[in-house]
């Protein structure tokens, strides 16, 4: 999920936005990934974390941070986590899913491309026609990306609705949490600054 959401943020030149809201959407994808892998589960009265490492750095860093929340909510983590889009990109380059493109003159920002663009092209198509999201993972990608403002057009208004979220199946609870928080944060402009985020985590043993 996180990889697919991050890929939707690549522009035509291969740059990722330096946006707190984009980062929150990608972190939301990480939460869905953790739920799909059985590391995050909703019970009748709580949310349980199973911190067994996954072997993929962004997911394992998320697990480490979640283990330190000490009563804070998943909403808090979505806003304040130190996992960034560029961290996801670096991990995806390392595992061969993405490739790093040559730098542009006078630009220091790294550029990336997805290896094999079939999935990315399909995800772009799903954003235009969310009704075609037939699987739980497709529905989760469309819901998160739409909440983050990546979908446009008349279909965008229905892409985070109950019908689509219901298609996310056993991870519907976390998809609803992520889409609700990311959508509200983007509309309200309430992202915490990078400097504040660093300060918030500086006292924790991580």
C-alpha atoms as a PDB file:
ATOM      1  CA  UNK A   1       0.000   0.000   0.000  1.00  0.00           C
ATOM      2  CA  UNK A   2       2.629   2.533   1.022  1.00  0.00           C
ATOM      3  CA  UNK A   3       4.663   1.885  -2.133  1.00  0.00           C
ATOM      4  CA  UNK A   4       1.635   2.325  -4.378  1.00  0.00           C
ATOM      5  CA  UNK A   5       0.541   5.516  -2.625  1.00  0.00           C
ATOM      6  CA  UNK A   6       4.077   6.936  -2.801  1.00  0.00           C
ATOM      7  CA  UNK A   7       4.309   6.150  -6.528  1.00  0.00           C
ATOM      8  CA  UNK A   8       1.196   8.218  -7.190  1.00  0.00           C
ATOM      9  CA  UNK A   9       3.083  11.260  -5.877  1.00  0.00           C
ATOM     10  CA  UNK A  10       5.889  11.030  -8.451  1.00  0.00           C
ATOM     11  CA  UNK A  11       5.636  13.837 -10.979  1.00  0.00           C
ATOM     12  CA  UNK A  12       6.674  13.563 -14.624  1.00  0.00           C
ATOM     13  CA  UNK A  13      10.253  14.494 -13.768  1.00  0.00           C
ATOM     14  CA  UNK A  14      10.481  11.832 -11.048  1.00  0.00           C
ATOM     15  CA  UNK A  15      10.381  14.195  -8.087  1.00  0.00           C
ATOM     16  CA  UNK A  16       8.435  13.585  -4.906  1.00  0.00           C
ATOM     17  CA  UNK A  17       6.762  16.516  -3.137  1.00  0.00           C
ATOM     18  CA  UNK A  18       8.197  17.811   0.117  1.00  0.00           C
ATOM     19  CA  UNK A  19       4.758  17.737   1.697  1.00  0.00           C
ATOM     20  CA  UNK A  20       3.674  16.743   5.180  1.00  0.00           C
ATOM     21  CA  UNK A  21       0.303  15.651   3.801  1.00  0.00           C
ATOM     22  CA  UNK A  22       1.906  13.397   1.197  1.00  0.00           C
ATOM     23  CA  UNK A  23       4.018  11.868   3.949  1.00  0.00           C
ATOM     24  CA  UNK A  24       0.921  11.296   6.081  1.00  0.00           C
ATOM     25  CA  UNK A  25      -0.794   9.509   3.198  1.00  0.00           C
ATOM     26  CA  UNK A  26       2.231   7.243   2.710  1.00  0.00           C
ATOM     27  CA  UNK A  27       2.338   6.530   6.456  1.00  0.00           C
ATOM     28  CA  UNK A  28      -1.324   5.613   6.199  1.00  0.00           C
ATOM     29  CA  UNK A  29      -0.307   3.084   3.577  1.00  0.00           C
ATOM     30  CA  UNK A  30       2.217   1.694   6.050  1.00  0.00           C
ATOM     31  CA  UNK A  31      -0.516   1.212   8.650  1.00  0.00           C
ATOM     32  CA  UNK A  32      -2.598  -0.702   6.118  1.00  0.00           C
ATOM     33  CA  UNK A  33       0.449  -2.790   5.185  1.00  0.00           C
ATOM     34  CA  UNK A  34       1.012  -3.610   8.854  1.00  0.00           C
ATOM     35  CA  UNK A  35      -2.630  -4.608   9.270  1.00  0.00           C
ATOM     36  CA  UNK A  36      -2.475  -6.803   6.167  1.00  0.00           C
ATOM     37  CA  UNK A  37       0.621  -8.499   7.603  1.00  0.00           C
ATOM     38  CA  UNK A  38      -1.050  -9.106  10.946  1.00  0.00           C
ATOM     39  CA  UNK A  39       1.172  -6.673  12.877  1.00  0.00           C
ATOM     40  CA  UNK A  40      -1.699  -4.319  13.682  1.00  0.00           C
ATOM     41  CA  UNK A  41      -5.136  -5.585  14.687  1.00  0.00           C
ATOM     42  CA  UNK A  42      -8.340  -4.105  16.021  1.00  0.00           C
ATOM     43  CA  UNK A  43      -9.992  -5.846  18.952  1.00  0.00           C
ATOM     44  CA  UNK A  44     -13.273  -5.092  20.710  1.00  0.00           C
ATOM     45  CA  UNK A  45     -11.747  -2.435  22.935  1.00  0.00           C
ATOM     46  CA  UNK A  46      -8.250  -1.662  21.649  1.00  0.00           C
ATOM     47  CA  UNK A  47      -5.730  -1.856  18.832  1.00  0.00           C
ATOM     48  CA  UNK A  48      -3.031  -4.466  19.303  1.00  0.00           C
ATOM     49  CA  UNK A  49       0.510  -4.220  17.944  1.00  0.00           C
ATOM     50  CA  UNK A  50       2.609  -7.290  17.167  1.00  0.00           C
ATOM     51  CA  UNK A  51       6.159  -5.922  16.730  1.00  0.00           C
ATOM     52  CA  UNK A  52       7.779  -8.885  14.959  1.00  0.00           C
ATOM     53  CA  UNK A  53      10.005  -7.292  12.266  1.00  0.00           C
ATOM     54  CA  UNK A  54       8.881  -7.563   8.665  1.00  0.00           C
ATOM     55  CA  UNK A  55      12.308  -7.230   7.075  1.00  0.00           C
ATOM     56  CA  UNK A  56      11.406  -4.022   5.215  1.00  0.00           C
ATOM     57  CA  UNK A  57      12.912  -0.888   6.719  1.00  0.00           C
ATOM     58  CA  UNK A  58       9.951   1.545   6.484  1.00  0.00           C
ATOM     59  CA  UNK A  59       7.549  -0.984   8.018  1.00  0.00           C
ATOM     60  CA  UNK A  60       9.997  -1.914  10.756  1.00  0.00           C
ATOM     61  CA  UNK A  61      10.696   1.728  11.554  1.00  0.00           C
ATOM     62  CA  UNK A  62       6.945   2.276  11.775  1.00  0.00           C
ATOM     63  CA  UNK A  63       6.686  -0.689  14.149  1.00  0.00           C
ATOM     64  CA  UNK A  64       9.451   0.744  16.331  1.00  0.00           C
ATOM     65  CA  UNK A  65       7.724   4.120  16.514  1.00  0.00           C
ATOM     66  CA  UNK A  66       4.299   2.628  17.173  1.00  0.00           C
ATOM     67  CA  UNK A  67       5.745   0.610  20.051  1.00  0.00           C
ATOM     68  CA  UNK A  68       6.794   3.905  21.678  1.00  0.00           C
ATOM     69  CA  UNK A  69       3.457   5.701  21.418  1.00  0.00           C
ATOM     70  CA  UNK A  70       2.729   5.207  25.136  1.00  0.00           C
ATOM     71  CA  UNK A  71      -0.995   5.841  24.881  1.00  0.00           C
ATOM     72  CA  UNK A  72      -0.906   8.245  21.954  1.00  0.00           C
ATOM     73  CA  UNK A  73      -3.269   7.505  19.082  1.00  0.00           C
ATOM     74  CA  UNK A  74      -2.606   6.271  15.555  1.00  0.00           C
ATOM     75  CA  UNK A  75      -3.791   9.696  14.396  1.00  0.00           C
ATOM     76  CA  UNK A  76      -0.941  11.210  16.404  1.00  0.00           C
ATOM     77  CA  UNK A  77       1.526   8.854  14.755  1.00  0.00           C
ATOM     78  CA  UNK A  78       0.234   9.643  11.261  1.00  0.00           C
ATOM     79  CA  UNK A  79       0.993  13.312  11.832  1.00  0.00           C
ATOM     80  CA  UNK A  80       4.191  13.090  13.868  1.00  0.00           C
ATOM     81  CA  UNK A  81       6.071  10.062  12.542  1.00  0.00           C
ATOM     82  CA  UNK A  82       9.559  10.645  11.188  1.00  0.00           C
ATOM     83  CA  UNK A  83       9.009   8.269   8.236  1.00  0.00           C
ATOM     84  CA  UNK A  84       9.108  10.414   5.084  1.00  0.00           C
ATOM     85  CA  UNK A  85       8.394   9.839   1.407  1.00  0.00           C
ATOM     86  CA  UNK A  86      12.115   9.891   0.667  1.00  0.00           C
ATOM     87  CA  UNK A  87      12.644   7.092   3.201  1.00  0.00           C
ATOM     88  CA  UNK A  88      10.120   4.966   1.341  1.00  0.00           C
ATOM     89  CA  UNK A  89      11.769   5.856  -1.966  1.00  0.00           C
ATOM     90  CA  UNK A  90      15.213   4.837  -0.707  1.00  0.00           C
ATOM     91  CA  UNK A  91      13.870   1.487   0.507  1.00  0.00           C
ATOM     92  CA  UNK A  92      12.093   0.884  -2.794  1.00  0.00           C
ATOM     93  CA  UNK A  93      15.306   1.611  -4.696  1.00  0.00           C
ATOM     94  CA  UNK A  94      17.174  -0.803  -2.437  1.00  0.00           C
ATOM     95  CA  UNK A  95      14.719  -3.621  -3.127  1.00  0.00           C
ATOM     96  CA  UNK A  96      14.661  -2.957  -6.866  1.00  0.00           C
ATOM     97  CA  UNK A  97      11.066  -1.761  -7.103  1.00  0.00           C
ATOM     98  CA  UNK A  98      12.104   1.783  -7.994  1.00  0.00           C
ATOM     99  CA  UNK A  99      15.198   3.154  -9.659  1.00  0.00           C
ATOM    100  CA  UNK A 100      17.008   6.415  -8.971  1.00  0.00           C
ATOM    101  CA  UNK A 101      17.246   8.723 -11.968  1.00  0.00           C
ATOM    102  CA  UNK A 102      20.226  10.938 -12.821  1.00  0.00           C
ATOM    103  CA  UNK A 103      20.224  14.299 -11.099  1.00  0.00           C
ATOM    104  CA  UNK A 104      19.151  17.397 -13.002  1.00  0.00           C
ATOM    105  CA  UNK A 105      21.583  20.328 -13.273  1.00  0.00           C
ATOM    106  CA  UNK A 106      21.122  22.844 -10.447  1.00  0.00           C
ATOM    107  CA  UNK A 107      18.719  20.491  -8.632  1.00  0.00           C
ATOM    108  CA  UNK A 108      19.716  18.578  -5.513  1.00  0.00           C
ATOM    109  CA  UNK A 109      16.457  16.753  -4.994  1.00  0.00           C
ATOM    110  CA  UNK A 110      16.625  13.045  -5.887  1.00  0.00           C
ATOM    111  CA  UNK A 111      14.513  11.730  -8.748  1.00  0.00           C
ATOM    112  CA  UNK A 112      12.936   8.297  -9.014  1.00  0.00           C
ATOM    113  CA  UNK A 113      11.049   6.068 -11.410  1.00  0.00           C
ATOM    114  CA  UNK A 114       8.944   2.977 -10.842  1.00  0.00           C
ATOM    115  CA  UNK A 115      10.274  -0.205 -12.465  1.00  0.00           C
ATOM    116  CA  UNK A 116       7.444  -1.691 -14.479  1.00  0.00           C
ATOM    117  CA  UNK A 117       4.706   0.906 -14.648  1.00  0.00           C
ATOM    118  CA  UNK A 118       1.679  -1.359 -15.144  1.00  0.00           C
ATOM    119  CA  UNK A 119       0.557  -1.127 -11.523  1.00  0.00           C
ATOM    120  CA  UNK A 120       1.116   2.636 -11.419  1.00  0.00           C
ATOM    121  CA  UNK A 121      -0.844   3.165 -14.634  1.00  0.00           C
ATOM    122  CA  UNK A 122      -3.666   1.032 -13.248  1.00  0.00           C
ATOM    123  CA  UNK A 123      -3.689   3.013  -9.996  1.00  0.00           C
ATOM    124  CA  UNK A 124      -3.978   6.270 -11.944  1.00  0.00           C
ATOM    125  CA  UNK A 125      -6.893   4.761 -13.848  1.00  0.00           C
ATOM    126  CA  UNK A 126      -8.542   3.673 -10.595  1.00  0.00           C
ATOM    127  CA  UNK A 127      -8.346   7.223  -9.261  1.00  0.00           C
ATOM    128  CA  UNK A 128     -10.381   8.339 -12.273  1.00  0.00           C
ATOM    129  CA  UNK A 129     -12.834   5.448 -11.883  1.00  0.00           C
ATOM    130  CA  UNK A 130     -12.857   4.320  -8.239  1.00  0.00           C
ATOM    131  CA  UNK A 131     -15.788   2.034  -8.924  1.00  0.00           C
ATOM    132  CA  UNK A 132     -13.358  -0.327 -10.673  1.00  0.00           C
ATOM    133  CA  UNK A 133     -11.461  -0.963  -7.414  1.00  0.00           C
ATOM    134  CA  UNK A 134     -12.524  -4.586  -7.011  1.00  0.00           C
ATOM    135  CA  UNK A 135      -9.988  -5.851  -4.445  1.00  0.00           C
ATOM    136  CA  UNK A 136      -9.357  -4.773  -0.860  1.00  0.00           C
ATOM    137  CA  UNK A 137      -5.893  -3.449  -1.710  1.00  0.00           C
ATOM    138  CA  UNK A 138      -7.125  -1.485  -4.738  1.00  0.00           C
ATOM    139  CA  UNK A 139      -9.880   0.069  -2.656  1.00  0.00           C
ATOM    140  CA  UNK A 140      -7.398   0.998   0.085  1.00  0.00           C
ATOM    141  CA  UNK A 141      -5.056   2.713  -2.381  1.00  0.00           C
ATOM    142  CA  UNK A 142      -7.898   4.661  -3.983  1.00  0.00           C
ATOM    143  CA  UNK A 143      -9.337   5.709  -0.625  1.00  0.00           C
ATOM    144  CA  UNK A 144      -6.027   6.943   0.805  1.00  0.00           C
ATOM    145  CA  UNK A 145      -4.946   8.682  -2.402  1.00  0.00           C
ATOM    146  CA  UNK A 146      -8.297  10.429  -2.732  1.00  0.00           C
ATOM    147  CA  UNK A 147      -8.268  11.585   0.890  1.00  0.00           C
ATOM    148  CA  UNK A 148      -4.813  13.003   0.185  1.00  0.00           C
ATOM    149  CA  UNK A 149      -6.154  15.038  -2.749  1.00  0.00           C
ATOM    150  CA  UNK A 150      -4.639  12.970  -5.553  1.00  0.00           C
ATOM    151  CA  UNK A 151      -7.948  12.223  -7.282  1.00  0.00           C
ATOM    152  CA  UNK A 152      -9.833  14.803  -9.308  1.00  0.00           C
ATOM    153  CA  UNK A 153     -13.030  14.834 -11.271  1.00  0.00           C
ATOM    154  CA  UNK A 154     -16.635  13.944 -10.457  1.00  0.00           C
ATOM    155  CA  UNK A 155     -15.785  10.471  -9.115  1.00  0.00           C
ATOM    156  CA  UNK A 156     -13.419  11.785  -6.447  1.00  0.00           C
ATOM    157  CA  UNK A 157     -16.215  12.640  -4.050  1.00  0.00           C
ATOM    158  CA  UNK A 158     -17.289   9.009  -3.731  1.00  0.00           C
ATOM    159  CA  UNK A 159     -13.848   7.449  -3.382  1.00  0.00           C
ATOM    160  CA  UNK A 160     -13.675   7.702   0.387  1.00  0.00           C
ATOM    161  CA  UNK A 161     -17.317   6.872   0.967  1.00  0.00           C
ATOM    162  CA  UNK A 162     -18.719   3.924   2.914  1.00  0.00           C
ATOM    163  CA  UNK A 163     -19.235   1.758  -0.161  1.00  0.00           C
ATOM    164  CA  UNK A 164     -15.607   1.903  -1.249  1.00  0.00           C
ATOM    165  CA  UNK A 165     -14.260   1.567   2.296  1.00  0.00           C
ATOM    166  CA  UNK A 166     -16.414  -1.525   2.754  1.00  0.00           C
ATOM    167  CA  UNK A 167     -14.500  -3.112  -0.116  1.00  0.00           C
ATOM    168  CA  UNK A 168     -11.287  -2.925   1.915  1.00  0.00           C
ATOM    169  CA  UNK A 169     -12.516  -5.938   3.895  1.00  0.00           C
ATOM    170  CA  UNK A 170     -10.608  -6.866   7.031  1.00  0.00           C
ATOM    171  CA  UNK A 171      -8.552  -3.662   6.950  1.00  0.00           C
ATOM    172  CA  UNK A 172     -11.615  -1.405   6.629  1.00  0.00           C
ATOM    173  CA  UNK A 173     -11.108  -0.152  10.191  1.00  0.00           C
ATOM    174  CA  UNK A 174      -7.627   1.171   9.516  1.00  0.00           C
ATOM    175  CA  UNK A 175      -8.546   2.504   6.063  1.00  0.00           C
ATOM    176  CA  UNK A 176     -11.402   4.468   7.632  1.00  0.00           C
ATOM    177  CA  UNK A 177      -9.044   5.841  10.280  1.00  0.00           C
ATOM    178  CA  UNK A 178      -6.399   6.834   7.712  1.00  0.00           C
ATOM    179  CA  UNK A 179      -8.716   8.380   5.133  1.00  0.00           C
ATOM    180  CA  UNK A 180     -10.610  10.294   7.797  1.00  0.00           C
ATOM    181  CA  UNK A 181      -7.486  11.727   9.393  1.00  0.00           C
ATOM    182  CA  UNK A 182      -5.589  12.515   6.190  1.00  0.00           C
ATOM    183  CA  UNK A 183      -8.648  14.140   4.639  1.00  0.00           C
ATOM    184  CA  UNK A 184      -9.290  16.336   7.684  1.00  0.00           C
ATOM    185  CA  UNK A 185      -5.619  17.301   8.072  1.00  0.00           C
ATOM    186  CA  UNK A 186      -5.339  18.317   4.418  1.00  0.00           C
ATOM    187  CA  UNK A 187      -8.517  20.383   4.507  1.00  0.00           C
ATOM    188  CA  UNK A 188      -7.704  22.040   7.828  1.00  0.00           C
ATOM    189  CA  UNK A 189      -3.999  22.567   7.058  1.00  0.00           C
ATOM    190  CA  UNK A 190      -3.020  21.158  10.433  1.00  0.00           C
ATOM    191  CA  UNK A 191       0.253  19.346   9.686  1.00  0.00           C
ATOM    192  CA  UNK A 192       2.973  19.695  12.283  1.00  0.00           C
ATOM    193  CA  UNK A 193       6.271  21.200  11.104  1.00  0.00           C
ATOM    194  CA  UNK A 194       9.327  19.031  10.529  1.00  0.00           C
ATOM    195  CA  UNK A 195      11.215  20.859  13.276  1.00  0.00           C
ATOM    196  CA  UNK A 196       8.425  20.264  15.757  1.00  0.00           C
ATOM    197  CA  UNK A 197       8.255  16.600  14.759  1.00  0.00           C
ATOM    198  CA  UNK A 198      11.958  16.140  15.451  1.00  0.00           C
ATOM    199  CA  UNK A 199      11.592  17.790  18.843  1.00  0.00           C
ATOM    200  CA  UNK A 200       8.626  15.608  19.761  1.00  0.00           C
ATOM    201  CA  UNK A 201      10.605  12.417  19.110  1.00  0.00           C
ATOM    202  CA  UNK A 202      13.965  13.606  20.451  1.00  0.00           C
ATOM    203  CA  UNK A 203      13.301  12.497  23.998  1.00  0.00           C
ATOM    204  CA  UNK A 204      12.243   8.969  23.063  1.00  0.00           C
ATOM    205  CA  UNK A 205      14.689   6.030  23.023  1.00  0.00           C
ATOM    206  CA  UNK A 206      14.595   5.499  19.269  1.00  0.00           C
END
